[in-house]
Amino acid sequence: MAKAVLVTVSLGVLKAGNIKFTPSLPDWKQEVIDGMGFGLLDKCVMQWDNPDAAVWPEEEWIELITPKGENSGKWTTFFNPSSYKGVPMIVGWAAADNARYMETQTDEEVQSDMMAKLKAMFPSITPPGRYIITRWGSEENVLGTYSFKIIGRDFSNDSRLLQKTVENVWFAGEATESVWYGTVNGAFDSGRAAAAGMLEVLSASTAGW
């Protein structure tokens, strides 16, 4: 048996029950896992090879305001990193139900939907030379993106309990961070803190050898 185990899988994987713990996790730990929010946010990143293809303004954030309807919330928030990348580039976001639907579409359908929204703002925009689409909800080792606060729950307490050890099993990841949740640095810091705690306990247990 391992002297210590560090679990750093996503909250989505824990929620799905894809890992079997023997013995089972205590009720208080399972309640936190089931009760915390874990969302889905996907991106479509488009890049143009022609430097003159950037027909949009230089502002970093671009919002499309549309009448309320079936497609009003799909591909309406865009980030413009062109000045950082040195090439024309646009990043679009799809969240929650829109992201879940997007993950059932083909790459061509996703590109077509996003281009339709961009054309509504910039009629002369041309198709991108290349694109990348994320589908985090369909990634079996992630099953979503990151945790979020739910009304009526104490996120700080939930993240503390999610991080709390169960015998020799330690937990880390962005969802165990009450401040930097939903970030890479939060996940990294939590893992480093857990590793330091494990080392301290293991060092103390072997000090008398």
N, C-alpha and C. Protein backbone atom coordinates (compact mmCIF):
# COMPACT_ATOMS: atom_id res chain seq x y z
N MET A 1 0.85 -1.19 0.00
CA MET A 1 0.00 0.00 0.00
C MET A 1 0.88 1.25 0.00
N ALA A 2 0.49 2.24 -0.78
CA ALA A 2 1.25 3.49 -0.84
C ALA A 2 1.15 4.22 0.50
N LYS A 3 2.25 4.85 0.89
CA LYS A 3 2.25 5.62 2.14
C LYS A 3 1.47 6.92 1.99
N ALA A 4 1.39 7.43 0.77
CA ALA A 4 0.63 8.66 0.51
C ALA A 4 0.26 8.71 -0.96
N VAL A 5 -0.90 9.26 -1.24
CA VAL A 5 -1.40 9.41 -2.61
C VAL A 5 -1.88 10.84 -2.80
N LEU A 6 -1.51 11.44 -3.92
CA LEU A 6 -1.96 12.80 -4.23
C LEU A 6 -2.90 12.74 -5.43
N VAL A 7 -4.14 13.16 -5.24
CA VAL A 7 -5.15 13.16 -6.30
C VAL A 7 -5.28 14.57 -6.86
N THR A 8 -4.97 14.74 -8.14
CA THR A 8 -5.03 16.06 -8.76
C THR A 8 -5.96 16.09 -9.97
N VAL A 9 -6.81 15.10 -10.12
CA VAL A 9 -7.73 15.09 -11.26
C VAL A 9 -8.74 16.23 -11.11
N SER A 10 -9.41 16.55 -12.21
CA SER A 10 -10.37 17.65 -12.18
C SER A 10 -11.59 17.29 -11.33
N LEU A 11 -12.29 18.34 -10.91
CA LEU A 11 -13.53 18.13 -10.17
C LEU A 11 -14.54 17.39 -11.04
N GLY A 12 -14.49 17.61 -12.35
CA GLY A 12 -15.39 16.91 -13.26
C GLY A 12 -15.19 15.41 -13.23
N VAL A 13 -13.95 14.96 -13.16
CA VAL A 13 -13.66 13.53 -13.09
C VAL A 13 -14.13 12.96 -11.76
N LEU A 14 -13.92 13.71 -10.68
CA LEU A 14 -14.40 13.25 -9.37
C LEU A 14 -15.92 13.16 -9.35
N LYS A 15 -16.59 14.14 -9.94
CA LYS A 15 -18.06 14.13 -9.99
C LYS A 15 -18.58 12.93 -10.77
N ALA A 16 -17.88 12.59 -11.84
CA ALA A 16 -18.33 11.48 -12.69
C ALA A 16 -18.12 10.12 -12.03
N GLY A 17 -17.34 10.08 -10.95
CA GLY A 17 -17.08 8.82 -10.28
C GLY A 17 -16.20 7.88 -11.08
N ASN A 18 -15.34 8.45 -11.91
CA ASN A 18 -14.49 7.63 -12.77
C ASN A 18 -13.30 7.01 -12.03
N ILE A 19 -13.09 7.44 -10.80
CA ILE A 19 -12.03 6.86 -9.97
C ILE A 19 -12.69 6.14 -8.80
N LYS A 20 -12.32 4.89 -8.60
CA LYS A 20 -12.87 4.12 -7.49
C LYS A 20 -11.92 4.19 -6.31
N PHE A 21 -12.42 4.72 -5.21
CA PHE A 21 -11.63 4.80 -3.98
C PHE A 21 -12.01 3.63 -3.07
N THR A 22 -11.00 2.93 -2.57
CA THR A 22 -11.23 1.82 -1.66
C THR A 22 -10.38 2.00 -0.42
N PRO A 23 -10.98 2.24 0.76
CA PRO A 23 -12.43 2.35 0.98
C PRO A 23 -13.01 3.61 0.35
N SER A 24 -14.33 3.67 0.28
CA SER A 24 -15.01 4.81 -0.34
C SER A 24 -14.71 6.09 0.42
N LEU A 25 -14.79 7.21 -0.29
CA LEU A 25 -14.61 8.50 0.36
C LEU A 25 -15.70 8.72 1.39
N PRO A 26 -15.39 9.40 2.48
CA PRO A 26 -16.41 9.68 3.50
C PRO A 26 -17.53 10.54 2.93
N ASP A 27 -18.68 10.49 3.58
CA ASP A 27 -19.86 11.21 3.08
C ASP A 27 -19.61 12.70 2.94
N TRP A 28 -18.88 13.30 3.89
CA TRP A 28 -18.66 14.75 3.83
C TRP A 28 -17.84 15.14 2.60
N LYS A 29 -16.89 14.28 2.23
CA LYS A 29 -16.08 14.56 1.04
C LYS A 29 -16.92 14.39 -0.23
N GLN A 30 -17.72 13.34 -0.29
CA GLN A 30 -18.55 13.10 -1.47
C GLN A 30 -19.59 14.20 -1.64
N GLU A 31 -20.13 14.70 -0.53
CA GLU A 31 -21.12 15.78 -0.62
C GLU A 31 -20.53 17.03 -1.22
N VAL A 32 -19.30 17.34 -0.85
CA VAL A 32 -18.62 18.51 -1.40
C VAL A 32 -18.38 18.31 -2.90
N ILE A 33 -17.92 17.14 -3.28
CA ILE A 33 -17.68 16.85 -4.70
C ILE A 33 -18.97 17.01 -5.50
N ASP A 34 -20.06 16.43 -4.98
CA ASP A 34 -21.34 16.49 -5.70
C ASP A 34 -21.92 17.90 -5.71
N GLY A 35 -21.68 18.66 -4.67
CA GLY A 35 -22.34 19.96 -4.53
C GLY A 35 -21.64 21.12 -5.20
N MET A 36 -20.34 21.04 -5.39
CA MET A 36 -19.61 22.15 -6.01
C MET A 36 -19.95 22.28 -7.50
N GLY A 37 -19.83 23.50 -8.01
CA GLY A 37 -20.10 23.74 -9.42
C GLY A 37 -18.86 23.51 -10.26
N PHE A 38 -19.05 22.87 -11.41
CA PHE A 38 -17.95 22.65 -12.35
C PHE A 38 -18.48 22.95 -13.74
N GLY A 39 -17.93 23.97 -14.38
CA GLY A 39 -18.49 24.48 -15.62
C GLY A 39 -17.78 24.02 -16.88
N LEU A 40 -18.28 24.56 -17.99
CA LEU A 40 -17.72 24.23 -19.30
C LEU A 40 -17.58 25.51 -20.12
N LEU A 41 -16.38 25.78 -20.57
CA LEU A 41 -16.08 26.94 -21.40
C LEU A 41 -15.13 26.51 -22.50
N ASP A 42 -15.59 26.59 -23.74
CA ASP A 42 -14.76 26.18 -24.88
C ASP A 42 -14.36 27.39 -25.70
N LYS A 43 -13.33 27.20 -26.51
CA LYS A 43 -12.81 28.28 -27.36
C LYS A 43 -12.70 27.80 -28.80
N CYS A 44 -12.82 28.77 -29.69
CA CYS A 44 -12.44 28.57 -31.09
C CYS A 44 -11.45 29.69 -31.41
N VAL A 45 -10.23 29.30 -31.72
CA VAL A 45 -9.17 30.27 -32.03
C VAL A 45 -8.96 30.28 -33.54
N MET A 46 -9.14 31.45 -34.14
CA MET A 46 -8.96 31.59 -35.58
C MET A 46 -7.74 32.46 -35.88
N GLN A 47 -6.97 32.05 -36.88
CA GLN A 47 -5.77 32.80 -37.27
C GLN A 47 -5.76 33.01 -38.78
N TRP A 48 -5.34 34.20 -39.19
CA TRP A 48 -5.23 34.55 -40.60
C TRP A 48 -3.76 34.75 -40.94
N ASP A 49 -3.34 34.24 -42.06
CA ASP A 49 -1.94 34.38 -42.49
C ASP A 49 -1.67 35.75 -43.12
N ASN A 50 -2.69 36.33 -43.73
CA ASN A 50 -2.55 37.63 -44.37
C ASN A 50 -2.64 38.74 -43.33
N PRO A 51 -1.61 39.54 -43.13
CA PRO A 51 -1.66 40.60 -42.12
C PRO A 51 -2.73 41.65 -42.39
N ASP A 52 -3.21 41.73 -43.62
CA ASP A 52 -4.26 42.69 -43.96
C ASP A 52 -5.65 42.14 -43.70
N ALA A 53 -5.73 40.93 -43.17
CA ALA A 53 -7.04 40.30 -42.93
C ALA A 53 -7.74 40.86 -41.71
N ALA A 54 -7.02 41.59 -40.87
CA ALA A 54 -7.60 42.12 -39.64
C ALA A 54 -8.49 43.32 -39.95
N VAL A 55 -9.77 43.05 -40.18
CA VAL A 55 -10.73 44.11 -40.48
C VAL A 55 -11.48 44.56 -39.23
N TRP A 56 -11.10 44.04 -38.10
CA TRP A 56 -11.72 44.39 -36.83
C TRP A 56 -10.87 45.45 -36.13
N PRO A 57 -11.46 46.14 -35.13
CA PRO A 57 -10.71 47.20 -34.42
C PRO A 57 -9.58 46.61 -33.57
N GLU A 58 -8.72 47.48 -33.05
CA GLU A 58 -7.57 47.03 -32.28
C GLU A 58 -7.91 46.70 -30.83
N GLU A 59 -9.11 47.01 -30.39
CA GLU A 59 -9.50 46.71 -29.01
C GLU A 59 -9.33 45.22 -28.70
N GLU A 60 -8.97 44.92 -27.46
CA GLU A 60 -8.76 43.53 -27.08
C GLU A 60 -10.07 42.76 -27.00
N TRP A 61 -11.11 43.40 -26.47
CA TRP A 61 -12.38 42.71 -26.28
C TRP A 61 -13.41 43.24 -27.26
N ILE A 62 -14.10 42.33 -27.92
CA ILE A 62 -15.13 42.68 -28.89
C ILE A 62 -16.41 41.94 -28.51
N GLU A 63 -17.51 42.67 -28.38
CA GLU A 63 -18.79 42.07 -28.00
C GLU A 63 -19.82 42.30 -29.10
N LEU A 64 -20.57 41.27 -29.42
CA LEU A 64 -21.67 41.37 -30.37
C LEU A 64 -22.97 41.38 -29.59
N ILE A 65 -23.72 42.45 -29.71
CA ILE A 65 -25.02 42.58 -29.04
C ILE A 65 -26.10 42.21 -30.05
N THR A 66 -26.87 41.18 -29.74
CA THR A 66 -27.89 40.71 -30.67
C THR A 66 -29.26 40.70 -29.99
N PRO A 67 -30.34 40.71 -30.77
CA PRO A 67 -31.68 40.59 -30.18
C PRO A 67 -31.82 39.26 -29.45
N LYS A 68 -32.65 39.24 -28.42
CA LYS A 68 -32.84 38.02 -27.67
C LYS A 68 -33.47 36.96 -28.56
N GLY A 69 -32.89 35.80 -28.55
CA GLY A 69 -33.40 34.72 -29.39
C GLY A 69 -32.59 33.46 -29.20
N GLU A 70 -32.85 32.48 -30.02
CA GLU A 70 -32.21 31.18 -29.88
C GLU A 70 -30.70 31.26 -29.96
N ASN A 71 -30.18 32.13 -30.81
CA ASN A 71 -28.74 32.21 -31.02
C ASN A 71 -28.10 33.45 -30.41
N SER A 72 -28.83 34.12 -29.52
CA SER A 72 -28.34 35.41 -29.02
C SER A 72 -27.08 35.29 -28.18
N GLY A 73 -26.87 34.16 -27.52
CA GLY A 73 -25.70 34.03 -26.65
C GLY A 73 -24.57 33.21 -27.23
N LYS A 74 -24.68 32.82 -28.48
CA LYS A 74 -23.67 31.95 -29.09
C LYS A 74 -22.66 32.77 -29.86
N TRP A 75 -21.40 32.61 -29.51
CA TRP A 75 -20.30 33.31 -30.19
C TRP A 75 -20.55 34.81 -30.24
N THR A 76 -20.62 35.41 -29.06
CA THR A 76 -20.83 36.86 -28.99
C THR A 76 -19.71 37.58 -28.23
N THR A 77 -18.83 36.84 -27.59
CA THR A 77 -17.70 37.42 -26.86
C THR A 77 -16.40 36.97 -27.52
N PHE A 78 -15.59 37.96 -27.90
CA PHE A 78 -14.36 37.66 -28.63
C PHE A 78 -13.18 38.40 -28.01
N PHE A 79 -12.02 37.75 -28.05
CA PHE A 79 -10.78 38.36 -27.60
C PHE A 79 -9.86 38.50 -28.80
N ASN A 80 -9.20 39.65 -28.88
CA ASN A 80 -8.32 39.97 -30.01
C ASN A 80 -6.86 40.03 -29.54
N PRO A 81 -6.11 38.92 -29.67
CA PRO A 81 -4.71 38.90 -29.24
C PRO A 81 -3.73 39.23 -30.36
N SER A 82 -4.22 39.81 -31.44
CA SER A 82 -3.40 40.02 -32.64
C SER A 82 -2.12 40.79 -32.35
N SER A 83 -2.21 41.81 -31.50
CA SER A 83 -1.02 42.63 -31.23
C SER A 83 0.05 41.85 -30.49
N TYR A 84 -0.36 40.83 -29.71
CA TYR A 84 0.61 40.01 -28.98
C TYR A 84 1.21 38.93 -29.88
N LYS A 85 0.39 38.40 -30.77
CA LYS A 85 0.81 37.26 -31.59
C LYS A 85 1.54 37.67 -32.87
N GLY A 86 1.33 38.91 -33.29
CA GLY A 86 1.98 39.37 -34.52
C GLY A 86 1.28 38.94 -35.79
N VAL A 87 0.14 38.28 -35.65
CA VAL A 87 -0.68 37.87 -36.80
C VAL A 87 -2.14 38.12 -36.45
N PRO A 88 -3.02 38.33 -37.44
CA PRO A 88 -4.44 38.50 -37.14
C PRO A 88 -5.00 37.25 -36.47
N MET A 89 -5.64 37.44 -35.34
CA MET A 89 -6.17 36.30 -34.59
C MET A 89 -7.38 36.75 -33.79
N ILE A 90 -8.37 35.88 -33.69
CA ILE A 90 -9.57 36.13 -32.90
C ILE A 90 -9.89 34.87 -32.10
N VAL A 91 -10.22 35.05 -30.82
CA VAL A 91 -10.61 33.94 -29.96
C VAL A 91 -12.07 34.13 -29.58
N GLY A 92 -12.89 33.13 -29.84
CA GLY A 92 -14.30 33.17 -29.46
C GLY A 92 -14.59 32.17 -28.37
N TRP A 93 -15.59 32.49 -27.53
CA TRP A 93 -15.94 31.62 -26.41
C TRP A 93 -17.36 31.08 -26.55
N ALA A 94 -17.54 29.85 -26.12
CA ALA A 94 -18.87 29.25 -25.98
C ALA A 94 -18.94 28.64 -24.59
N ALA A 95 -19.99 28.95 -23.85
CA ALA A 95 -20.07 28.51 -22.46
C ALA A 95 -21.35 27.72 -22.19
N ALA A 96 -21.28 26.90 -21.14
CA ALA A 96 -22.43 26.17 -20.60
C ALA A 96 -23.17 25.39 -21.69
N ASP A 97 -24.49 25.61 -21.82
CA ASP A 97 -25.28 24.85 -22.79
C ASP A 97 -24.79 25.08 -24.22
N ASN A 98 -24.38 26.31 -24.51
CA ASN A 98 -23.86 26.60 -25.85
C ASN A 98 -22.61 25.78 -26.14
N ALA A 99 -21.76 25.63 -25.13
CA ALA A 99 -20.55 24.83 -25.30
C ALA A 99 -20.88 23.35 -25.46
N ARG A 100 -21.85 22.87 -24.67
CA ARG A 100 -22.23 21.46 -24.79
C ARG A 100 -22.78 21.16 -26.19
N TYR A 101 -23.58 22.09 -26.72
CA TYR A 101 -24.09 21.90 -28.08
C TYR A 101 -22.95 21.96 -29.09
N MET A 102 -22.06 22.92 -28.90
CA MET A 102 -20.94 23.08 -29.83
C MET A 102 -20.11 21.81 -29.93
N GLU A 103 -19.96 21.10 -28.81
CA GLU A 103 -19.13 19.90 -28.80
C GLU A 103 -19.75 18.76 -29.60
N THR A 104 -21.02 18.89 -29.97
CA THR A 104 -21.66 17.88 -30.82
C THR A 104 -21.51 18.22 -32.30
N GLN A 105 -21.01 19.42 -32.60
CA GLN A 105 -20.88 19.87 -33.98
C GLN A 105 -19.53 19.46 -34.58
N THR A 106 -19.47 19.47 -35.88
CA THR A 106 -18.20 19.26 -36.57
C THR A 106 -17.38 20.55 -36.53
N ASP A 107 -16.10 20.44 -36.81
CA ASP A 107 -15.25 21.64 -36.86
C ASP A 107 -15.78 22.64 -37.88
N GLU A 108 -16.24 22.13 -39.01
CA GLU A 108 -16.75 23.01 -40.07
C GLU A 108 -17.99 23.77 -39.61
N GLU A 109 -18.86 23.09 -38.87
CA GLU A 109 -20.08 23.74 -38.37
C GLU A 109 -19.75 24.80 -37.34
N VAL A 110 -18.80 24.50 -36.46
CA VAL A 110 -18.38 25.48 -35.45
C VAL A 110 -17.79 26.71 -36.12
N GLN A 111 -16.91 26.49 -37.06
CA GLN A 111 -16.28 27.61 -37.77
C GLN A 111 -17.34 28.44 -38.49
N SER A 112 -18.30 27.78 -39.10
CA SER A 112 -19.35 28.49 -39.83
C SER A 112 -20.19 29.35 -38.89
N ASP A 113 -20.55 28.80 -37.72
CA ASP A 113 -21.35 29.55 -36.75
C ASP A 113 -20.61 30.78 -36.25
N MET A 114 -19.33 30.61 -35.91
CA MET A 114 -18.56 31.73 -35.40
C MET A 114 -18.33 32.78 -36.49
N MET A 115 -18.06 32.34 -37.70
CA MET A 115 -17.85 33.28 -38.80
C MET A 115 -19.12 34.08 -39.09
N ALA A 116 -20.28 33.46 -38.92
CA ALA A 116 -21.54 34.17 -39.15
C ALA A 116 -21.67 35.34 -38.19
N LYS A 117 -21.27 35.15 -36.93
CA LYS A 117 -21.34 36.23 -35.95
C LYS A 117 -20.30 37.30 -36.25
N LEU A 118 -19.11 36.88 -36.65
CA LEU A 118 -18.08 37.86 -36.99
C LEU A 118 -18.48 38.68 -38.22
N LYS A 119 -19.12 38.02 -39.19
CA LYS A 119 -19.56 38.73 -40.39
C LYS A 119 -20.66 39.73 -40.07
N ALA A 120 -21.45 39.44 -39.03
CA ALA A 120 -22.49 40.39 -38.64
C ALA A 120 -21.89 41.71 -38.19
N MET A 121 -20.66 41.67 -37.66
CA MET A 121 -19.97 42.88 -37.24
C MET A 121 -19.03 43.40 -38.30
N PHE A 122 -18.37 42.47 -39.00
CA PHE A 122 -17.34 42.84 -39.98
C PHE A 122 -17.62 42.11 -41.29
N PRO A 123 -18.50 42.67 -42.13
CA PRO A 123 -18.95 41.99 -43.35
C PRO A 123 -17.83 41.58 -44.30
N SER A 124 -16.71 42.28 -44.28
CA SER A 124 -15.63 41.96 -45.23
C SER A 124 -14.64 40.93 -44.71
N ILE A 125 -14.90 40.37 -43.54
CA ILE A 125 -13.97 39.39 -42.98
C ILE A 125 -13.90 38.15 -43.87
N THR A 126 -12.71 37.60 -44.00
CA THR A 126 -12.49 36.41 -44.83
C THR A 126 -12.30 35.18 -43.95
N PRO A 127 -12.48 33.98 -44.49
CA PRO A 127 -12.27 32.76 -43.70
C PRO A 127 -10.83 32.69 -43.18
N PRO A 128 -10.62 32.15 -41.99
CA PRO A 128 -9.27 32.06 -41.43
C PRO A 128 -8.43 31.01 -42.16
N GLY A 129 -7.13 31.16 -42.04
CA GLY A 129 -6.23 30.17 -42.63
C GLY A 129 -6.14 28.90 -41.81
N ARG A 130 -6.36 29.05 -40.50
CA ARG A 130 -6.31 27.89 -39.61
C ARG A 130 -7.13 28.19 -38.36
N TYR A 131 -7.50 27.14 -37.65
CA TYR A 131 -8.27 27.33 -36.43
C TYR A 131 -8.06 26.13 -35.50
N ILE A 132 -8.32 26.37 -34.22
CA ILE A 132 -8.25 25.32 -33.20
C ILE A 132 -9.52 25.42 -32.36
N ILE A 133 -10.14 24.29 -32.08
CA ILE A 133 -11.38 24.25 -31.30
C ILE A 133 -11.17 23.34 -30.09
N THR A 134 -11.52 23.82 -28.91
CA THR A 134 -11.44 22.98 -27.71
C THR A 134 -12.78 22.31 -27.46
N ARG A 135 -12.72 21.13 -26.88
CA ARG A 135 -13.93 20.40 -26.47
C ARG A 135 -13.65 19.75 -25.12
N TRP A 136 -13.50 20.59 -24.11
CA TRP A 136 -13.09 20.12 -22.79
C TRP A 136 -14.12 19.19 -22.15
N GLY A 137 -15.38 19.39 -22.45
CA GLY A 137 -16.40 18.53 -21.86
C GLY A 137 -16.34 17.10 -22.37
N SER A 138 -15.74 16.92 -23.53
CA SER A 138 -15.63 15.59 -24.13
C SER A 138 -14.30 14.92 -23.82
N GLU A 139 -13.40 15.64 -23.17
CA GLU A 139 -12.10 15.07 -22.79
C GLU A 139 -12.30 14.21 -21.54
N GLU A 140 -12.14 12.89 -21.67
CA GLU A 140 -12.47 11.98 -20.58
C GLU A 140 -11.64 12.21 -19.32
N ASN A 141 -10.48 12.81 -19.46
CA ASN A 141 -9.64 13.05 -18.30
C ASN A 141 -9.85 14.44 -17.69
N VAL A 142 -10.84 15.18 -18.21
CA VAL A 142 -11.12 16.52 -17.68
C VAL A 142 -12.61 16.69 -17.41
N LEU A 143 -13.45 16.47 -18.45
CA LEU A 143 -14.91 16.55 -18.36
C LEU A 143 -15.41 17.93 -17.94
N GLY A 144 -14.82 18.96 -18.48
CA GLY A 144 -15.23 20.33 -18.18
C GLY A 144 -14.02 21.24 -18.16
N THR A 145 -14.18 22.39 -17.53
CA THR A 145 -13.04 23.32 -17.50
C THR A 145 -12.60 23.65 -16.09
N TYR A 146 -13.46 24.33 -15.31
CA TYR A 146 -13.04 24.68 -13.95
C TYR A 146 -14.25 24.96 -13.07
N SER A 147 -13.99 25.03 -11.78
CA SER A 147 -15.05 25.20 -10.79
C SER A 147 -15.61 26.61 -10.80
N PHE A 148 -16.81 26.75 -10.24
CA PHE A 148 -17.42 28.07 -10.11
C PHE A 148 -18.27 28.11 -8.84
N LYS A 149 -18.57 29.31 -8.39
CA LYS A 149 -19.35 29.49 -7.17
C LYS A 149 -20.83 29.28 -7.44
N ILE A 150 -21.50 28.60 -6.53
CA ILE A 150 -22.93 28.36 -6.62
C ILE A 150 -23.63 29.15 -5.52
N ILE A 151 -24.70 29.83 -5.89
CA ILE A 151 -25.48 30.59 -4.90
C ILE A 151 -26.01 29.64 -3.84
N GLY A 152 -25.82 30.01 -2.59
CA GLY A 152 -26.30 29.19 -1.49
C GLY A 152 -25.25 28.26 -0.91
N ARG A 153 -24.08 28.18 -1.55
CA ARG A 153 -23.00 27.37 -1.02
C ARG A 153 -21.81 28.25 -0.68
N ASP A 154 -21.08 27.85 0.34
CA ASP A 154 -19.88 28.57 0.77
C ASP A 154 -18.69 28.00 0.01
N PHE A 155 -18.27 28.69 -1.05
CA PHE A 155 -17.21 28.15 -1.89
C PHE A 155 -15.91 27.99 -1.12
N SER A 156 -15.60 28.95 -0.26
CA SER A 156 -14.35 28.87 0.51
C SER A 156 -14.33 27.62 1.38
N ASN A 157 -15.46 27.33 2.00
CA ASN A 157 -15.53 26.14 2.84
C ASN A 157 -15.50 24.87 1.99
N ASP A 158 -16.19 24.90 0.86
CA ASP A 158 -16.19 23.74 -0.03
C ASP A 158 -14.77 23.44 -0.52
N SER A 159 -14.06 24.46 -0.97
CA SER A 159 -12.71 24.24 -1.48
C SER A 159 -11.78 23.73 -0.38
N ARG A 160 -11.99 24.22 0.84
CA ARG A 160 -11.18 23.75 1.98
C ARG A 160 -11.44 22.27 2.25
N LEU A 161 -12.71 21.87 2.22
CA LEU A 161 -13.04 20.47 2.47
C LEU A 161 -12.59 19.58 1.31
N LEU A 162 -12.67 20.10 0.10
CA LEU A 162 -12.20 19.31 -1.04
C LEU A 162 -10.70 19.05 -0.94
N GLN A 163 -9.98 20.03 -0.41
CA GLN A 163 -8.53 19.90 -0.25
C GLN A 163 -8.15 19.01 0.93
N LYS A 164 -9.03 18.87 1.89
CA LYS A 164 -8.72 18.16 3.14
C LYS A 164 -8.38 16.70 2.87
N THR A 165 -7.33 16.23 3.53
CA THR A 165 -6.88 14.85 3.33
C THR A 165 -7.86 13.85 3.93
N VAL A 166 -7.87 12.66 3.34
CA VAL A 166 -8.64 11.53 3.86
C VAL A 166 -7.63 10.42 4.13
N GLU A 167 -7.27 10.26 5.40
CA GLU A 167 -6.21 9.34 5.81
C GLU A 167 -4.92 9.69 5.06
N ASN A 168 -4.45 8.81 4.18
CA ASN A 168 -3.19 9.09 3.48
C ASN A 168 -3.42 9.56 2.05
N VAL A 169 -4.65 9.99 1.75
CA VAL A 169 -4.99 10.48 0.41
C VAL A 169 -5.11 12.00 0.45
N TRP A 170 -4.31 12.67 -0.36
CA TRP A 170 -4.29 14.13 -0.44
C TRP A 170 -4.96 14.58 -1.73
N PHE A 171 -5.48 15.80 -1.69
CA PHE A 171 -6.19 16.33 -2.85
C PHE A 171 -5.66 17.71 -3.21
N ALA A 172 -5.53 17.96 -4.51
CA ALA A 172 -5.09 19.27 -5.00
C ALA A 172 -5.77 19.53 -6.34
N GLY A 173 -5.63 20.75 -6.83
CA GLY A 173 -6.26 21.14 -8.09
C GLY A 173 -6.93 22.49 -7.94
N GLU A 174 -7.32 23.09 -9.06
CA GLU A 174 -7.86 24.45 -9.01
C GLU A 174 -9.08 24.57 -8.11
N ALA A 175 -9.90 23.52 -8.02
CA ALA A 175 -11.12 23.59 -7.22
C ALA A 175 -10.84 23.58 -5.72
N THR A 176 -9.61 23.25 -5.32
CA THR A 176 -9.25 23.29 -3.90
C THR A 176 -8.73 24.66 -3.49
N GLU A 177 -8.67 25.59 -4.45
CA GLU A 177 -8.18 26.95 -4.19
C GLU A 177 -9.36 27.90 -4.02
N SER A 178 -9.47 28.53 -2.87
CA SER A 178 -10.59 29.44 -2.63
C SER A 178 -10.40 30.79 -3.28
N VAL A 179 -9.16 31.17 -3.59
CA VAL A 179 -8.88 32.47 -4.20
C VAL A 179 -8.57 32.32 -5.68
N TRP A 180 -7.62 31.46 -6.02
CA TRP A 180 -7.17 31.32 -7.40
C TRP A 180 -7.80 30.11 -8.08
N TYR A 181 -9.06 29.82 -7.73
CA TYR A 181 -9.76 28.73 -8.41
C TYR A 181 -9.97 29.10 -9.89
N GLY A 182 -10.03 28.08 -10.72
CA GLY A 182 -10.25 28.32 -12.15
C GLY A 182 -9.02 28.79 -12.90
N THR A 183 -7.84 28.69 -12.28
CA THR A 183 -6.62 29.16 -12.93
C THR A 183 -5.53 28.10 -12.88
N VAL A 184 -4.60 28.19 -13.82
CA VAL A 184 -3.47 27.27 -13.84
C VAL A 184 -2.57 27.50 -12.63
N ASN A 185 -2.34 28.78 -12.31
CA ASN A 185 -1.46 29.05 -11.17
C ASN A 185 -2.08 28.57 -9.86
N GLY A 186 -3.41 28.63 -9.76
CA GLY A 186 -4.07 28.11 -8.57
C GLY A 186 -3.89 26.61 -8.46
N ALA A 187 -4.05 25.91 -9.57
CA ALA A 187 -3.86 24.46 -9.58
C ALA A 187 -2.42 24.10 -9.23
N PHE A 188 -1.48 24.83 -9.82
CA PHE A 188 -0.06 24.56 -9.57
C PHE A 188 0.29 24.80 -8.10
N ASP A 189 -0.15 25.92 -7.56
CA ASP A 189 0.16 26.24 -6.17
C ASP A 189 -0.44 25.22 -5.22
N SER A 190 -1.65 24.75 -5.51
CA SER A 190 -2.28 23.77 -4.63
C SER A 190 -1.51 22.45 -4.65
N GLY A 191 -1.03 22.07 -5.82
CA GLY A 191 -0.24 20.84 -5.92
C GLY A 191 1.08 20.95 -5.18
N ARG A 192 1.70 22.10 -5.29
CA ARG A 192 2.97 22.31 -4.59
C ARG A 192 2.76 22.30 -3.08
N ALA A 193 1.68 22.92 -2.61
CA ALA A 193 1.40 22.94 -1.18
C ALA A 193 1.10 21.54 -0.66
N ALA A 194 0.34 20.76 -1.45
CA ALA A 194 0.02 19.40 -1.05
C ALA A 194 1.28 18.54 -1.00
N ALA A 195 2.15 18.70 -1.98
CA ALA A 195 3.40 17.93 -2.01
C ALA A 195 4.27 18.26 -0.80
N ALA A 196 4.31 19.54 -0.43
CA ALA A 196 5.09 19.95 0.74
C ALA A 196 4.51 19.34 2.01
N GLY A 197 3.17 19.31 2.10
CA GLY A 197 2.53 18.71 3.27
C GLY A 197 2.79 17.22 3.35
N MET A 198 2.72 16.55 2.21
CA MET A 198 3.01 15.12 2.17
C MET A 198 4.43 14.84 2.61
N LEU A 199 5.37 15.63 2.11
CA LEU A 199 6.78 15.43 2.44
C LEU A 199 7.01 15.62 3.94
N GLU A 200 6.34 16.60 4.51
CA GLU A 200 6.50 16.85 5.95
C GLU A 200 6.01 15.67 6.77
N VAL A 201 4.83 15.13 6.40
CA VAL A 201 4.26 14.00 7.13
C VAL A 201 5.12 12.75 6.94
N LEU A 202 5.54 12.49 5.72
CA LEU A 202 6.35 11.30 5.46
C LEU A 202 7.72 11.39 6.13
N SER A 203 8.28 12.59 6.16
CA SER A 203 9.58 12.77 6.81
C SER A 203 9.47 12.53 8.30
N ALA A 204 8.37 12.99 8.89
CA ALA A 204 8.17 12.79 10.33
C ALA A 204 7.97 11.31 10.66
N SER A 205 7.28 10.59 9.75
CA SER A 205 7.00 9.18 10.01
C SER A 205 8.23 8.30 9.87
N THR A 206 9.24 8.78 9.14
CA THR A 206 10.45 7.99 8.93
C THR A 206 11.64 8.51 9.73
N ALA A 207 11.39 9.51 10.56
CA ALA A 207 12.49 10.14 11.29
C ALA A 207 13.17 9.17 12.25
N GLY A 208 12.42 8.18 12.71
CA GLY A 208 13.00 7.26 13.68
C GLY A 208 13.64 6.03 13.08
N TRP A 209 13.69 5.96 11.74
CA TRP A 209 14.26 4.78 11.10
C TRP A 209 15.77 4.71 11.30
